[in-house]
Amino acid sequence: MSGRYGYSLKEWEETKEEIRKILIARAKTKCPIFYSELANQIKTVKIEYHARAFHEMLGEISIAEDNAGRGLLSALVIHKEGNKMPGQGFFNLAKERGKNFSDNDDFWIKELNSFYSQWK
């Protein structure tokens, strides 16, 4: 079976689209979502929020959205505990994508506000 992390390519792509739709709905309500809450809302496959596959999907979604000029959609996915911000992987991806920033908080808020504006 061809696929990724034990999921078929069809499951992989359908799950990414489901996640994308959940995140867009959250952007429309100006409400970030916890990693665990997002994973629990996924119906296409069972996936844990701490699984590498889950974070790979978020990265792929962000890259596709950024390529379309809409920014890194995974900015809406945040930690439940601690700083209530995206994980370091989000900020690493942003820098890999050529986003130039020195303050994670400021960059993240700008990304959120951009989504809130475009999806209202």
C-alpha atoms as a PDB file:
ATOM      1  CA  MET A   1       0.000   0.000   0.000  1.00  0.00           C
ATOM      2  CA  SER A   2       1.365   3.371  -1.006  1.00  0.00           C
ATOM      3  CA  GLY A   3       0.874   6.141   1.533  1.00  0.00           C
ATOM      4  CA  ARG A   4       2.297   8.116   4.382  1.00  0.00           C
ATOM      5  CA  TYR A   5       2.682   7.221   8.047  1.00  0.00           C
ATOM      6  CA  GLY A   6       0.404   4.218   7.557  1.00  0.00           C
ATOM      7  CA  TYR A   7      -2.372   6.200   5.866  1.00  0.00           C
ATOM      8  CA  SER A   8      -3.302   5.706   2.225  1.00  0.00           C
ATOM      9  CA  LEU A   9      -2.704   8.691  -0.038  1.00  0.00           C
ATOM     10  CA  LYS A  10      -6.488   9.101  -0.287  1.00  0.00           C
ATOM     11  CA  GLU A  11      -6.840   9.167   3.518  1.00  0.00           C
ATOM     12  CA  TRP A  12      -3.903  11.571   3.784  1.00  0.00           C
ATOM     13  CA  GLU A  13      -5.350  14.076   1.314  1.00  0.00           C
ATOM     14  CA  GLU A  14      -8.919  13.778   2.630  1.00  0.00           C
ATOM     15  CA  THR A  15      -7.701  14.322   6.194  1.00  0.00           C
ATOM     16  CA  LYS A  16      -5.719  17.391   5.176  1.00  0.00           C
ATOM     17  CA  GLU A  17      -8.790  18.836   3.470  1.00  0.00           C
ATOM     18  CA  GLU A  18     -10.895  18.121   6.549  1.00  0.00           C
ATOM     19  CA  ILE A  19      -8.321  19.883   8.754  1.00  0.00           C
ATOM     20  CA  ARG A  20      -8.182  22.814   6.331  1.00  0.00           C
ATOM     21  CA  LYS A  21     -11.957  23.237   6.477  1.00  0.00           C
ATOM     22  CA  ILE A  22     -11.950  23.091  10.282  1.00  0.00           C
ATOM     23  CA  LEU A  23      -9.238  25.758  10.434  1.00  0.00           C
ATOM     24  CA  ILE A  24     -11.019  28.033   7.969  1.00  0.00           C
ATOM     25  CA  ALA A  25     -14.205  27.737  10.039  1.00  0.00           C
ATOM     26  CA  ARG A  26     -12.184  28.732  13.102  1.00  0.00           C
ATOM     27  CA  ALA A  27     -10.657  31.682  11.241  1.00  0.00           C
ATOM     28  CA  LYS A  28     -14.163  32.868  10.369  1.00  0.00           C
ATOM     29  CA  THR A  29     -15.063  32.904  14.069  1.00  0.00           C
ATOM     30  CA  LYS A  30     -11.694  34.390  15.086  1.00  0.00           C
ATOM     31  CA  CYS A  31     -11.061  31.490  17.418  1.00  0.00           C
ATOM     32  CA  PRO A  32      -7.832  29.458  17.455  1.00  0.00           C
ATOM     33  CA  ILE A  33      -8.062  25.746  18.239  1.00  0.00           C
ATOM     34  CA  PHE A  34      -5.980  23.524  20.515  1.00  0.00           C
ATOM     35  CA  TYR A  35      -3.929  20.768  18.873  1.00  0.00           C
ATOM     36  CA  SER A  36      -5.833  18.136  20.873  1.00  0.00           C
ATOM     37  CA  GLU A  37      -9.223  19.651  20.028  1.00  0.00           C
ATOM     38  CA  LEU A  38      -8.399  19.672  16.313  1.00  0.00           C
ATOM     39  CA  ALA A  39      -7.247  16.047  16.362  1.00  0.00           C
ATOM     40  CA  ASN A  40     -10.445  15.044  18.155  1.00  0.00           C
ATOM     41  CA  GLN A  41     -12.607  16.755  15.506  1.00  0.00           C
ATOM     42  CA  ILE A  42     -11.062  14.824  12.614  1.00  0.00           C
ATOM     43  CA  LYS A  43     -13.462  12.157  11.354  1.00  0.00           C
ATOM     44  CA  THR A  44     -11.617  10.889   8.261  1.00  0.00           C
ATOM     45  CA  VAL A  45      -8.984   8.984  10.268  1.00  0.00           C
ATOM     46  CA  LYS A  46      -8.014   8.526  13.881  1.00  0.00           C
ATOM     47  CA  ILE A  47      -4.905  10.557  14.596  1.00  0.00           C
ATOM     48  CA  GLU A  48      -3.256  11.716  17.784  1.00  0.00           C
ATOM     49  CA  TYR A  49      -2.343  15.382  18.161  1.00  0.00           C
ATOM     50  CA  HIS A  50       1.219  14.534  19.136  1.00  0.00           C
ATOM     51  CA  ALA A  51       1.752  12.206  16.143  1.00  0.00           C
ATOM     52  CA  ARG A  52       4.357  13.157  13.575  1.00  0.00           C
ATOM     53  CA  ALA A  53       1.787  12.559  10.820  1.00  0.00           C
ATOM     54  CA  PHE A  54      -0.562  15.152  12.333  1.00  0.00           C
ATOM     55  CA  HIS A  55       2.166  17.790  12.352  1.00  0.00           C
ATOM     56  CA  GLU A  56       3.269  16.849   8.830  1.00  0.00           C
ATOM     57  CA  MET A  57      -0.298  17.390   7.640  1.00  0.00           C
ATOM     58  CA  LEU A  58      -0.432  20.796   9.337  1.00  0.00           C
ATOM     59  CA  GLY A  59       2.831  21.717   7.651  1.00  0.00           C
ATOM     60  CA  GLU A  60       1.624  20.628   4.221  1.00  0.00           C
ATOM     61  CA  ILE A  61      -1.622  22.565   4.668  1.00  0.00           C
ATOM     62  CA  SER A  62       0.309  25.678   5.688  1.00  0.00           C
ATOM     63  CA  ILE A  63       2.677  25.407   2.745  1.00  0.00           C
ATOM     64  CA  ALA A  64      -0.224  25.029   0.284  1.00  0.00           C
ATOM     65  CA  GLU A  65      -2.099  27.957   1.814  1.00  0.00           C
ATOM     66  CA  ASP A  66       1.047  30.098   1.852  1.00  0.00           C
ATOM     67  CA  ASN A  67       1.733  29.203  -1.797  1.00  0.00           C
ATOM     68  CA  ALA A  68      -1.800  30.420  -2.557  1.00  0.00           C
ATOM     69  CA  GLY A  69      -0.989  33.733  -0.855  1.00  0.00           C
ATOM     70  CA  ARG A  70      -3.109  33.130   2.230  1.00  0.00           C
ATOM     71  CA  GLY A  71      -0.385  32.571   4.823  1.00  0.00           C
ATOM     72  CA  LEU A  72       0.404  29.758   7.244  1.00  0.00           C
ATOM     73  CA  LEU A  73      -3.020  28.466   8.260  1.00  0.00           C
ATOM     74  CA  SER A  74      -1.618  26.382  11.106  1.00  0.00           C
ATOM     75  CA  ALA A  75      -1.177  29.643  13.036  1.00  0.00           C
ATOM     76  CA  LEU A  76      -4.673  28.883  14.298  1.00  0.00           C
ATOM     77  CA  VAL A  77      -3.528  25.696  16.058  1.00  0.00           C
ATOM     78  CA  ILE A  78      -2.207  26.364  19.551  1.00  0.00           C
ATOM     79  CA  HIS A  79      -1.040  24.685  22.742  1.00  0.00           C
ATOM     80  CA  LYS A  80      -3.655  24.114  25.418  1.00  0.00           C
ATOM     81  CA  GLU A  81      -1.143  24.618  28.228  1.00  0.00           C
ATOM     82  CA  GLY A  82       1.608  27.167  28.658  1.00  0.00           C
ATOM     83  CA  ASN A  83       1.842  30.072  26.239  1.00  0.00           C
ATOM     84  CA  LYS A  84      -1.310  29.180  24.216  1.00  0.00           C
ATOM     85  CA  MET A  85       0.614  29.682  20.964  1.00  0.00           C
ATOM     86  CA  PRO A  86       1.581  27.433  18.061  1.00  0.00           C
ATOM     87  CA  GLY A  87       4.500  25.086  18.608  1.00  0.00           C
ATOM     88  CA  GLN A  88       8.061  25.773  17.532  1.00  0.00           C
ATOM     89  CA  GLY A  89       7.468  23.804  14.325  1.00  0.00           C
ATOM     90  CA  PHE A  90       5.136  26.565  13.141  1.00  0.00           C
ATOM     91  CA  PHE A  91       7.784  29.238  13.627  1.00  0.00           C
ATOM     92  CA  ASN A  92      10.488  27.048  12.052  1.00  0.00           C
ATOM     93  CA  LEU A  93       8.266  26.515   9.010  1.00  0.00           C
ATOM     94  CA  ALA A  94       7.610  30.253   8.777  1.00  0.00           C
ATOM     95  CA  LYS A  95      11.342  30.957   8.667  1.00  0.00           C
ATOM     96  CA  GLU A  96      11.887  28.147   6.123  1.00  0.00           C
ATOM     97  CA  ARG A  97       9.193  29.826   4.003  1.00  0.00           C
ATOM     98  CA  GLY A  98      11.144  33.093   4.078  1.00  0.00           C
ATOM     99  CA  LYS A  99       9.075  34.933   6.673  1.00  0.00           C
ATOM    100  CA  ASN A 100      11.367  37.461   8.274  1.00  0.00           C
ATOM    101  CA  PHE A 101      10.603  38.134  11.928  1.00  0.00           C
ATOM    102  CA  SER A 102      12.430  38.362  15.213  1.00  0.00           C
ATOM    103  CA  ASP A 103       9.469  38.311  17.591  1.00  0.00           C
ATOM    104  CA  ASN A 104       7.372  35.126  17.561  1.00  0.00           C
ATOM    105  CA  ASP A 105       4.441  36.759  19.368  1.00  0.00           C
ATOM    106  CA  ASP A 106       4.259  39.674  16.956  1.00  0.00           C
ATOM    107  CA  PHE A 107       4.543  37.457  13.868  1.00  0.00           C
ATOM    108  CA  TRP A 108       1.884  35.060  15.155  1.00  0.00           C
ATOM    109  CA  ILE A 109      -0.588  37.872  15.946  1.00  0.00           C
ATOM    110  CA  LYS A 110      -0.080  39.327  12.458  1.00  0.00           C
ATOM    111  CA  GLU A 111      -0.728  35.913  10.881  1.00  0.00           C
ATOM    112  CA  LEU A 112      -3.902  35.467  12.940  1.00  0.00           C
ATOM    113  CA  ASN A 113      -5.187  38.925  12.052  1.00  0.00           C
ATOM    114  CA  SER A 114      -4.495  38.248   8.383  1.00  0.00           C
ATOM    115  CA  PHE A 115      -6.629  35.091   8.500  1.00  0.00           C
ATOM    116  CA  TYR A 116      -9.382  36.818  10.420  1.00  0.00           C
ATOM    117  CA  SER A 117      -9.524  39.534   7.743  1.00  0.00           C
ATOM    118  CA  GLN A 118      -9.507  37.242   4.737  1.00  0.00           C
ATOM    119  CA  TRP A 119     -12.011  34.688   6.079  1.00  0.00           C
ATOM    120  CA  LYS A 120     -14.564  37.036   7.653  1.00  0.00           C
END
